[in-house]
Amino acid sequence: MLDHELEAVEVIYSYGVGNNSDFEAMFCEKYNAIARLYDHTVDSAPLKKKFFYFKKEGVGAKKDEDRNTIENHLNENGDSEKRLLLQMDVDGAEWDTLIHMSNSVLNLFDQIVIEVHGLSTDFSEALNGGEVYSVSLDKKIKVFRKINELFYLYHVHANTEGGLHFIGWFKVPDVLELTYVNKKMVKNARPSEVIFPTEFDQPNVKGRKDQDLHFWPFYPGMAQHFIDTVRRNSWKSWRYLLKIPYARIKMNLRSIRTLIGLRR
């Protein structure tokens, strides 16, 4: 997350709690905030904290038997005038939720921490209740455009459980963890020079190497890659510097082979 005015955040809205709420606990303890936790697949929050308010209810595009909208939750709790943070990991339900969410409600959040699913597949299978959400590429693009109107993408990490796929010329992770910062929070924004993953990122699966995002739109170029490699590795950098052009050539050749049908 961007370390800017985090101490001003009053409420975290967290969707898809599952069996882990360490992030919410750490944030609330550090910044004296509260967290409203929502998940219709578990009966209680995984941790008992005085600043946790759990409700067994999911999130979606409209209110139904076991779900409700973010707007309705905000109104129920009287939080619309407060400083807010949104955390969402709902295994595919994010697309319908966000596409039907008004810009005015979306703009209430200072930052968004979200995991998006099914980027390189035609559907996103939700673990929450076993539903399968059919999500078109057009809908995914519309959601990203909607977020990009109001927010800057600040950090990205490929979830190692999802894998990588080649689609045409492009290497696409199936699951991405994204952090967005509201444009009203940032002045004089400039293109990122960060090489992902950073030294702070960790693989989601033990024993499985983290996914390098050394490709468009996350890659700032080979020159910045060289600089970042030297910064991270100091005098040992020469071994890694030699690998950079080789990796770029290898990836481009793989894309060409995929494009002409020699491999999948």
C-alpha atoms as a PDB file:
ATOM      1  CA  MET A   1       0.000   0.000   0.000  1.00  0.00           C
ATOM      2  CA  LEU A   2       1.000   3.607  -0.455  1.00  0.00           C
ATOM      3  CA  ASP A   3       2.182   4.904   2.906  1.00  0.00           C
ATOM      4  CA  HIS A   4       0.273   8.158   2.667  1.00  0.00           C
ATOM      5  CA  GLU A   5      -2.436   9.274   5.103  1.00  0.00           C
ATOM      6  CA  LEU A   6      -3.017   5.698   6.269  1.00  0.00           C
ATOM      7  CA  GLU A   7      -3.421   7.022   9.796  1.00  0.00           C
ATOM      8  CA  ALA A   8      -6.508   8.915   8.557  1.00  0.00           C
ATOM      9  CA  VAL A   9      -8.333   5.727   7.501  1.00  0.00           C
ATOM     10  CA  GLU A  10     -11.221   5.071   9.872  1.00  0.00           C
ATOM     11  CA  VAL A  11     -12.834   1.918   8.461  1.00  0.00           C
ATOM     12  CA  ILE A  12     -11.676  -1.051   6.378  1.00  0.00           C
ATOM     13  CA  TYR A  13     -14.362  -2.784   4.345  1.00  0.00           C
ATOM     14  CA  SER A  14     -13.063  -6.322   3.851  1.00  0.00           C
ATOM     15  CA  TYR A  15     -14.836  -8.811   1.586  1.00  0.00           C
ATOM     16  CA  GLY A  16     -13.866 -12.475   1.419  1.00  0.00           C
ATOM     17  CA  VAL A  17     -12.482 -13.013   4.899  1.00  0.00           C
ATOM     18  CA  GLY A  18     -12.068 -16.784   4.740  1.00  0.00           C
ATOM     19  CA  ASN A  19      -9.677 -18.084   7.387  1.00  0.00           C
ATOM     20  CA  ASN A  20      -7.273 -15.151   7.469  1.00  0.00           C
ATOM     21  CA  SER A  21      -7.708 -11.591   8.681  1.00  0.00           C
ATOM     22  CA  ASP A  22      -4.091 -10.839   9.619  1.00  0.00           C
ATOM     23  CA  PHE A  23      -3.915  -7.814   7.321  1.00  0.00           C
ATOM     24  CA  GLU A  24      -6.984  -6.206   8.848  1.00  0.00           C
ATOM     25  CA  ALA A  25      -5.763  -6.905  12.390  1.00  0.00           C
ATOM     26  CA  MET A  26      -2.326  -5.452  11.711  1.00  0.00           C
ATOM     27  CA  PHE A  27      -3.753  -2.346  10.039  1.00  0.00           C
ATOM     28  CA  CYS A  28      -6.348  -1.640  12.716  1.00  0.00           C
ATOM     29  CA  GLU A  29      -3.871  -2.093  15.553  1.00  0.00           C
ATOM     30  CA  LYS A  30      -1.333   0.201  13.917  1.00  0.00           C
ATOM     31  CA  TYR A  31      -3.686   2.955  12.754  1.00  0.00           C
ATOM     32  CA  ASN A  32      -6.503   2.721  15.313  1.00  0.00           C
ATOM     33  CA  ALA A  33      -9.133   1.857  12.685  1.00  0.00           C
ATOM     34  CA  ILE A  34     -12.005  -0.635  12.664  1.00  0.00           C
ATOM     35  CA  ALA A  35     -12.712  -3.376  10.123  1.00  0.00           C
ATOM     36  CA  ARG A  36     -16.084  -4.477   8.805  1.00  0.00           C
ATOM     37  CA  LEU A  37     -15.661  -8.068   7.640  1.00  0.00           C
ATOM     38  CA  TYR A  38     -18.071  -9.739   5.213  1.00  0.00           C
ATOM     39  CA  ASP A  39     -18.138 -13.357   4.065  1.00  0.00           C
ATOM     40  CA  HIS A  40     -21.139 -15.613   3.500  1.00  0.00           C
ATOM     41  CA  THR A  41     -19.059 -18.811   3.534  1.00  0.00           C
ATOM     42  CA  VAL A  42     -17.804 -18.681   7.124  1.00  0.00           C
ATOM     43  CA  ASP A  43     -19.637 -18.286  10.422  1.00  0.00           C
ATOM     44  CA  SER A  44     -17.272 -15.915  12.164  1.00  0.00           C
ATOM     45  CA  ALA A  45     -14.109 -13.886  11.806  1.00  0.00           C
ATOM     46  CA  PRO A  46     -10.916 -15.952  12.133  1.00  0.00           C
ATOM     47  CA  LEU A  47      -9.660 -13.623  14.876  1.00  0.00           C
ATOM     48  CA  LYS A  48     -11.573 -12.127  17.774  1.00  0.00           C
ATOM     49  CA  LYS A  49     -10.692  -8.441  17.992  1.00  0.00           C
ATOM     50  CA  LYS A  50     -12.591  -5.561  19.554  1.00  0.00           C
ATOM     51  CA  PHE A  51     -12.171  -3.576  16.329  1.00  0.00           C
ATOM     52  CA  PHE A  52     -13.638  -6.357  14.115  1.00  0.00           C
ATOM     53  CA  TYR A  53     -17.313  -6.263  13.093  1.00  0.00           C
ATOM     54  CA  PHE A  54     -18.218  -9.441  11.200  1.00  0.00           C
ATOM     55  CA  LYS A  55     -21.362 -10.165   9.206  1.00  0.00           C
ATOM     56  CA  LYS A  56     -22.113 -13.472   7.495  1.00  0.00           C
ATOM     57  CA  GLU A  57     -23.000 -11.911   4.158  1.00  0.00           C
ATOM     58  CA  GLY A  58     -21.313 -11.850   0.781  1.00  0.00           C
ATOM     59  CA  VAL A  59     -20.966  -9.048  -1.732  1.00  0.00           C
ATOM     60  CA  GLY A  60     -22.484  -8.730  -5.175  1.00  0.00           C
ATOM     61  CA  ALA A  61     -24.177  -6.554  -7.756  1.00  0.00           C
ATOM     62  CA  LYS A  62     -27.499  -6.554  -5.898  1.00  0.00           C
ATOM     63  CA  LYS A  63     -29.065  -7.657  -2.632  1.00  0.00           C
ATOM     64  CA  ASP A  64     -30.234 -11.264  -2.476  1.00  0.00           C
ATOM     65  CA  GLU A  65     -30.548 -14.080   0.065  1.00  0.00           C
ATOM     66  CA  ASP A  66     -26.941 -14.106   1.268  1.00  0.00           C
ATOM     67  CA  ARG A  67     -25.302 -11.073  -0.383  1.00  0.00           C
ATOM     68  CA  ASN A  68     -25.571  -7.333  -0.497  1.00  0.00           C
ATOM     69  CA  THR A  69     -23.967  -4.394  -2.257  1.00  0.00           C
ATOM     70  CA  ILE A  70     -21.105  -2.288  -0.939  1.00  0.00           C
ATOM     71  CA  GLU A  71     -23.323   0.792  -1.148  1.00  0.00           C
ATOM     72  CA  ASN A  72     -25.957  -0.835   1.054  1.00  0.00           C
ATOM     73  CA  HIS A  73     -23.311  -1.867   3.576  1.00  0.00           C
ATOM     74  CA  LEU A  74     -21.972   1.690   3.732  1.00  0.00           C
ATOM     75  CA  ASN A  75     -25.469   3.070   4.268  1.00  0.00           C
ATOM     76  CA  GLU A  76     -26.333   0.465   6.926  1.00  0.00           C
ATOM     77  CA  ASN A  77     -23.243   1.398   8.922  1.00  0.00           C
ATOM     78  CA  GLY A  78     -23.375   5.149   8.312  1.00  0.00           C
ATOM     79  CA  ASP A  79     -19.818   5.170   6.974  1.00  0.00           C
ATOM     80  CA  SER A  80     -20.212   7.173   3.755  1.00  0.00           C
ATOM     81  CA  GLU A  81     -18.594  10.291   5.236  1.00  0.00           C
ATOM     82  CA  LYS A  82     -15.615   8.443   6.751  1.00  0.00           C
ATOM     83  CA  ARG A  83     -12.133   7.736   5.386  1.00  0.00           C
ATOM     84  CA  LEU A  84     -12.327   4.251   3.917  1.00  0.00           C
ATOM     85  CA  LEU A  85     -10.157   1.411   2.640  1.00  0.00           C
ATOM     86  CA  LEU A  86     -11.499  -1.456   0.492  1.00  0.00           C
ATOM     87  CA  GLN A  87     -10.073  -4.987   0.602  1.00  0.00           C
ATOM     88  CA  MET A  88     -11.612  -7.596  -1.704  1.00  0.00           C
ATOM     89  CA  ASP A  89     -10.813 -11.251  -2.428  1.00  0.00           C
ATOM     90  CA  VAL A  90     -14.079 -12.845  -3.514  1.00  0.00           C
ATOM     91  CA  ASP A  91     -12.923 -15.393  -6.096  1.00  0.00           C
ATOM     92  CA  GLY A  92     -14.668 -14.053  -9.180  1.00  0.00           C
ATOM     93  CA  ALA A  93     -17.541 -12.043  -7.708  1.00  0.00           C
ATOM     94  CA  GLU A  94     -15.457  -8.868  -7.978  1.00  0.00           C
ATOM     95  CA  TRP A  95     -16.336  -8.319 -11.658  1.00  0.00           C
ATOM     96  CA  ASP A  96     -20.120  -8.080 -11.250  1.00  0.00           C
ATOM     97  CA  THR A  97     -19.757  -6.222  -7.964  1.00  0.00           C
ATOM     98  CA  LEU A  98     -17.546  -3.502  -9.412  1.00  0.00           C
ATOM     99  CA  ILE A  99     -19.241  -3.145 -12.806  1.00  0.00           C
ATOM    100  CA  HIS A 100     -22.538  -2.315 -11.066  1.00  0.00           C
ATOM    101  CA  MET A 101     -20.986  -0.111  -8.399  1.00  0.00           C
ATOM    102  CA  SER A 102     -21.443   3.615  -8.949  1.00  0.00           C
ATOM    103  CA  ASN A 103     -18.385   5.801  -9.445  1.00  0.00           C
ATOM    104  CA  SER A 104     -19.489   7.975  -6.547  1.00  0.00           C
ATOM    105  CA  VAL A 105     -19.358   5.005  -4.161  1.00  0.00           C
ATOM    106  CA  LEU A 106     -16.083   3.709  -5.586  1.00  0.00           C
ATOM    107  CA  ASN A 107     -14.549   7.148  -5.145  1.00  0.00           C
ATOM    108  CA  LEU A 108     -15.223   7.045  -1.391  1.00  0.00           C
ATOM    109  CA  PHE A 109     -12.248   4.724  -0.858  1.00  0.00           C
ATOM    110  CA  ASP A 110      -8.720   6.075  -0.397  1.00  0.00           C
ATOM    111  CA  GLN A 111      -7.096   2.833  -1.522  1.00  0.00           C
ATOM    112  CA  ILE A 112      -8.242  -0.527  -2.882  1.00  0.00           C
ATOM    113  CA  VAL A 113      -6.472  -3.821  -2.236  1.00  0.00           C
ATOM    114  CA  ILE A 114      -8.025  -6.430  -4.510  1.00  0.00           C
ATOM    115  CA  GLU A 115      -7.344  -9.864  -5.970  1.00  0.00           C
ATOM    116  CA  VAL A 116      -8.777 -10.271  -9.477  1.00  0.00           C
ATOM    117  CA  HIS A 117      -9.415 -13.716 -10.940  1.00  0.00           C
ATOM    118  CA  GLY A 118      -9.785 -15.309 -14.354  1.00  0.00           C
ATOM    119  CA  LEU A 119      -7.688 -12.824 -16.325  1.00  0.00           C
ATOM    120  CA  SER A 120      -6.496 -15.431 -18.818  1.00  0.00           C
ATOM    121  CA  THR A 121      -9.556 -17.698 -18.786  1.00  0.00           C
ATOM    122  CA  ASP A 122     -13.127 -17.337 -20.031  1.00  0.00           C
ATOM    123  CA  PHE A 123     -14.624 -17.868 -16.606  1.00  0.00           C
ATOM    124  CA  SER A 124     -13.742 -17.348 -12.984  1.00  0.00           C
ATOM    125  CA  GLU A 125     -14.641 -20.201 -10.690  1.00  0.00           C
ATOM    126  CA  ALA A 126     -15.627 -18.913  -7.298  1.00  0.00           C
ATOM    127  CA  LEU A 127     -14.693 -20.901  -4.225  1.00  0.00           C
ATOM    128  CA  ASN A 128     -17.323 -19.047  -2.224  1.00  0.00           C
ATOM    129  CA  GLY A 129     -20.194 -21.496  -2.348  1.00  0.00           C
ATOM    130  CA  GLY A 130     -18.910 -23.220  -5.490  1.00  0.00           C
ATOM    131  CA  GLU A 131     -20.457 -20.787  -7.955  1.00  0.00           C
ATOM    132  CA  VAL A 132     -18.997 -20.298 -11.409  1.00  0.00           C
ATOM    133  CA  TYR A 133     -19.157 -16.735 -12.673  1.00  0.00           C
ATOM    134  CA  SER A 134     -19.137 -16.354 -16.454  1.00  0.00           C
ATOM    135  CA  VAL A 135     -17.104 -13.216 -17.036  1.00  0.00           C
ATOM    136  CA  SER A 136     -16.532 -11.895 -20.538  1.00  0.00           C
ATOM    137  CA  LEU A 137     -13.314 -10.188 -21.548  1.00  0.00           C
ATOM    138  CA  ASP A 138     -15.366  -7.096 -22.343  1.00  0.00           C
ATOM    139  CA  LYS A 139     -16.669  -6.926 -18.772  1.00  0.00           C
ATOM    140  CA  LYS A 140     -13.164  -7.299 -17.319  1.00  0.00           C
ATOM    141  CA  ILE A 141     -11.885  -4.470 -19.524  1.00  0.00           C
ATOM    142  CA  LYS A 142     -14.789  -2.237 -18.488  1.00  0.00           C
ATOM    143  CA  VAL A 143     -14.056  -2.873 -14.812  1.00  0.00           C
ATOM    144  CA  PHE A 144     -10.387  -1.955 -15.206  1.00  0.00           C
ATOM    145  CA  ARG A 145     -11.266   1.182 -17.173  1.00  0.00           C
ATOM    146  CA  LYS A 146     -13.759   2.166 -14.511  1.00  0.00           C
ATOM    147  CA  ILE A 147     -11.186   1.809 -11.733  1.00  0.00           C
ATOM    148  CA  ASN A 148      -8.515   3.568 -13.789  1.00  0.00           C
ATOM    149  CA  GLU A 149     -10.715   6.646 -14.150  1.00  0.00           C
ATOM    150  CA  LEU A 150     -10.521   7.251 -10.405  1.00  0.00           C
ATOM    151  CA  PHE A 151      -7.419   5.395  -9.222  1.00  0.00           C
ATOM    152  CA  TYR A 152      -3.752   4.857 -10.020  1.00  0.00           C
ATOM    153  CA  LEU A 153      -2.394   1.312 -10.007  1.00  0.00           C
ATOM    154  CA  TYR A 154       0.328   1.409  -7.357  1.00  0.00           C
ATOM    155  CA  HIS A 155       1.422  -2.196  -6.832  1.00  0.00           C
ATOM    156  CA  VAL A 156       0.928  -5.534  -8.585  1.00  0.00           C
ATOM    157  CA  HIS A 157       1.774  -9.111  -7.671  1.00  0.00           C
ATOM    158  CA  ALA A 158       0.973 -12.295  -9.572  1.00  0.00           C
ATOM    159  CA  ASN A 159      -0.618 -14.944  -7.372  1.00  0.00           C
ATOM    160  CA  THR A 160       1.481 -18.071  -7.889  1.00  0.00           C
ATOM    161  CA  GLU A 161      -1.574 -20.311  -7.527  1.00  0.00           C
ATOM    162  CA  GLY A 162      -3.048 -18.941 -10.751  1.00  0.00           C
ATOM    163  CA  GLY A 163      -0.191 -19.533 -13.178  1.00  0.00           C
ATOM    164  CA  LEU A 164       0.778 -17.640 -16.325  1.00  0.00           C
ATOM    165  CA  HIS A 165      -0.676 -18.005 -19.816  1.00  0.00           C
ATOM    166  CA  PHE A 166       0.328 -16.718 -23.234  1.00  0.00           C
ATOM    167  CA  ILE A 167      -2.475 -15.004 -25.141  1.00  0.00           C
ATOM    168  CA  GLY A 168      -1.197 -13.843 -28.501  1.00  0.00           C
ATOM    169  CA  TRP A 169       1.902 -11.789 -27.851  1.00  0.00           C
ATOM    170  CA  PHE A 170       1.045 -11.248 -24.218  1.00  0.00           C
ATOM    171  CA  LYS A 171       1.955 -13.130 -21.073  1.00  0.00           C
ATOM    172  CA  VAL A 172      -1.052 -12.949 -18.744  1.00  0.00           C
ATOM    173  CA  PRO A 173      -1.263 -14.047 -15.080  1.00  0.00           C
ATOM    174  CA  ASP A 174      -4.618 -15.631 -14.280  1.00  0.00           C
ATOM    175  CA  VAL A 175      -4.779 -14.076 -10.808  1.00  0.00           C
ATOM    176  CA  LEU A 176      -3.356 -10.683  -9.849  1.00  0.00           C
ATOM    177  CA  GLU A 177      -3.140  -8.924  -6.502  1.00  0.00           C
ATOM    178  CA  LEU A 178      -3.535  -5.193  -7.127  1.00  0.00           C
ATOM    179  CA  THR A 179      -3.262  -2.083  -4.999  1.00  0.00           C
ATOM    180  CA  TYR A 180      -4.939   1.085  -6.249  1.00  0.00           C
ATOM    181  CA  VAL A 181      -4.580   4.607  -4.847  1.00  0.00           C
ATOM    182  CA  ASN A 182      -7.314   7.189  -5.351  1.00  0.00           C
ATOM    183  CA  LYS A 183      -6.181   9.986  -7.666  1.00  0.00           C
ATOM    184  CA  LYS A 184      -7.405  12.567  -5.180  1.00  0.00           C
ATOM    185  CA  MET A 185      -4.640  11.316  -2.839  1.00  0.00           C
ATOM    186  CA  VAL A 186      -1.773  11.854  -5.284  1.00  0.00           C
ATOM    187  CA  LYS A 187      -0.307  14.922  -6.956  1.00  0.00           C
ATOM    188  CA  ASN A 188       2.156  14.864  -9.864  1.00  0.00           C
ATOM    189  CA  ALA A 189       1.933  11.115 -10.474  1.00  0.00           C
ATOM    190  CA  ARG A 190       4.492   9.659 -12.872  1.00  0.00           C
ATOM    191  CA  PRO A 191       4.973   6.244 -14.526  1.00  0.00           C
ATOM    192  CA  SER A 192       6.306   3.532 -12.252  1.00  0.00           C
ATOM    193  CA  GLU A 193       9.965   2.516 -12.386  1.00  0.00           C
ATOM    194  CA  VAL A 194       9.461  -0.485 -10.100  1.00  0.00           C
ATOM    195  CA  ILE A 195      10.453  -3.992 -11.170  1.00  0.00           C
ATOM    196  CA  PHE A 196       7.858  -6.539 -10.017  1.00  0.00           C
ATOM    197  CA  PRO A 197       7.994  -8.610  -7.932  1.00  0.00           C
ATOM    198  CA  THR A 198       9.745  -6.384  -5.419  1.00  0.00           C
ATOM    199  CA  GLU A 199      11.965  -7.664  -2.618  1.00  0.00           C
ATOM    200  CA  PHE A 200       8.963  -7.323  -0.289  1.00  0.00           C
ATOM    201  CA  ASP A 201       6.710  -9.664  -2.309  1.00  0.00           C
ATOM    202  CA  GLN A 202       6.449 -13.339  -1.406  1.00  0.00           C
ATOM    203  CA  PRO A 203       5.182 -16.393  -3.356  1.00  0.00           C
ATOM    204  CA  ASN A 204       1.672 -17.514  -2.434  1.00  0.00           C
ATOM    205  CA  VAL A 205       2.636 -21.185  -2.656  1.00  0.00           C
ATOM    206  CA  LYS A 206       5.535 -22.480  -0.594  1.00  0.00           C
ATOM    207  CA  GLY A 207       8.277 -23.876  -2.805  1.00  0.00           C
ATOM    208  CA  ARG A 208       6.942 -22.222  -5.971  1.00  0.00           C
ATOM    209  CA  LYS A 209       8.974 -19.339  -7.381  1.00  0.00           C
ATOM    210  CA  ASP A 210       7.345 -15.926  -7.556  1.00  0.00           C
ATOM    211  CA  GLN A 211       6.197 -14.818 -11.013  1.00  0.00           C
ATOM    212  CA  ASP A 212       8.312 -12.174 -12.732  1.00  0.00           C
ATOM    213  CA  LEU A 213       6.158  -9.438 -14.259  1.00  0.00           C
ATOM    214  CA  HIS A 214       8.826  -8.373 -16.732  1.00  0.00           C
ATOM    215  CA  PHE A 215       6.396  -7.562 -19.517  1.00  0.00           C
ATOM    216  CA  TRP A 216       3.869  -4.933 -20.592  1.00  0.00           C
ATOM    217  CA  PRO A 217       2.142  -3.128 -18.913  1.00  0.00           C
ATOM    218  CA  PHE A 218       4.132  -3.669 -15.692  1.00  0.00           C
ATOM    219  CA  TYR A 219       7.686  -3.518 -17.041  1.00  0.00           C
ATOM    220  CA  PRO A 220       9.417  -0.089 -17.152  1.00  0.00           C
ATOM    221  CA  GLY A 221      12.105  -1.282 -19.577  1.00  0.00           C
ATOM    222  CA  MET A 222      15.504  -2.963 -19.625  1.00  0.00           C
ATOM    223  CA  ALA A 223      17.417   0.170 -18.596  1.00  0.00           C
ATOM    224  CA  GLN A 224      15.435   0.475 -15.364  1.00  0.00           C
ATOM    225  CA  HIS A 225      15.713  -3.301 -14.906  1.00  0.00           C
ATOM    226  CA  PHE A 226      19.520  -3.028 -15.001  1.00  0.00           C
ATOM    227  CA  ILE A 227      19.452  -0.188 -12.450  1.00  0.00           C
ATOM    228  CA  ASP A 228      17.122  -2.083 -10.130  1.00  0.00           C
ATOM    229  CA  THR A 229      19.227  -5.246 -10.378  1.00  0.00           C
ATOM    230  CA  VAL A 230      22.377  -3.378  -9.355  1.00  0.00           C
ATOM    231  CA  ARG A 231      20.521  -1.753  -6.449  1.00  0.00           C
ATOM    232  CA  ARG A 232      19.262  -5.097  -5.161  1.00  0.00           C
ATOM    233  CA  ASN A 233      22.396  -7.212  -5.667  1.00  0.00           C
ATOM    234  CA  SER A 234      25.365  -4.812  -5.504  1.00  0.00           C
ATOM    235  CA  TRP A 235      28.640  -6.465  -6.599  1.00  0.00           C
ATOM    236  CA  LYS A 236      26.877  -9.758  -7.389  1.00  0.00           C
ATOM    237  CA  SER A 237      24.794  -8.039 -10.073  1.00  0.00           C
ATOM    238  CA  TRP A 238      26.817  -9.197 -13.089  1.00  0.00           C
ATOM    239  CA  ARG A 239      25.320 -12.697 -12.893  1.00  0.00           C
ATOM    240  CA  TYR A 240      21.781 -11.312 -12.966  1.00  0.00           C
ATOM    241  CA  LEU A 241      22.495  -8.634 -15.573  1.00  0.00           C
ATOM    242  CA  LEU A 242      23.502 -11.303 -18.088  1.00  0.00           C
ATOM    243  CA  LYS A 243      20.152 -13.040 -17.612  1.00  0.00           C
ATOM    244  CA  ILE A 244      17.993  -9.998 -18.425  1.00  0.00           C
ATOM    245  CA  PRO A 245      18.450  -9.847 -22.245  1.00  0.00           C
ATOM    246  CA  TYR A 246      18.353 -13.649 -22.443  1.00  0.00           C
ATOM    247  CA  ALA A 247      15.019 -13.746 -20.592  1.00  0.00           C
ATOM    248  CA  ARG A 248      13.561 -11.041 -22.851  1.00  0.00           C
ATOM    249  CA  ILE A 249      14.564 -12.928 -26.007  1.00  0.00           C
ATOM    250  CA  LYS A 250      13.246 -16.222 -24.627  1.00  0.00           C
ATOM    251  CA  MET A 251       9.866 -14.702 -23.727  1.00  0.00           C
ATOM    252  CA  ASN A 252       9.476 -13.022 -27.132  1.00  0.00           C
ATOM    253  CA  LEU A 253      10.290 -16.261 -28.948  1.00  0.00           C
ATOM    254  CA  ARG A 254       7.747 -18.100 -26.831  1.00  0.00           C
ATOM    255  CA  SER A 255       5.126 -15.479 -27.694  1.00  0.00           C
ATOM    256  CA  ILE A 256       5.869 -15.875 -31.408  1.00  0.00           C
ATOM    257  CA  ARG A 257       5.563 -19.662 -31.203  1.00  0.00           C
ATOM    258  CA  THR A 258       2.244 -19.309 -29.388  1.00  0.00           C
ATOM    259  CA  LEU A 259       0.957 -16.766 -31.902  1.00  0.00           C
ATOM    260  CA  ILE A 260       1.679 -18.979 -34.917  1.00  0.00           C
ATOM    261  CA  GLY A 261       0.263 -22.071 -33.234  1.00  0.00           C
ATOM    262  CA  LEU A 262       3.435 -24.045 -32.544  1.00  0.00           C
ATOM    263  CA  ARG A 263       2.636 -24.216 -28.849  1.00  0.00           C
ATOM    264  CA  ARG A 264      -0.158 -23.443 -26.393  1.00  0.00           C
END
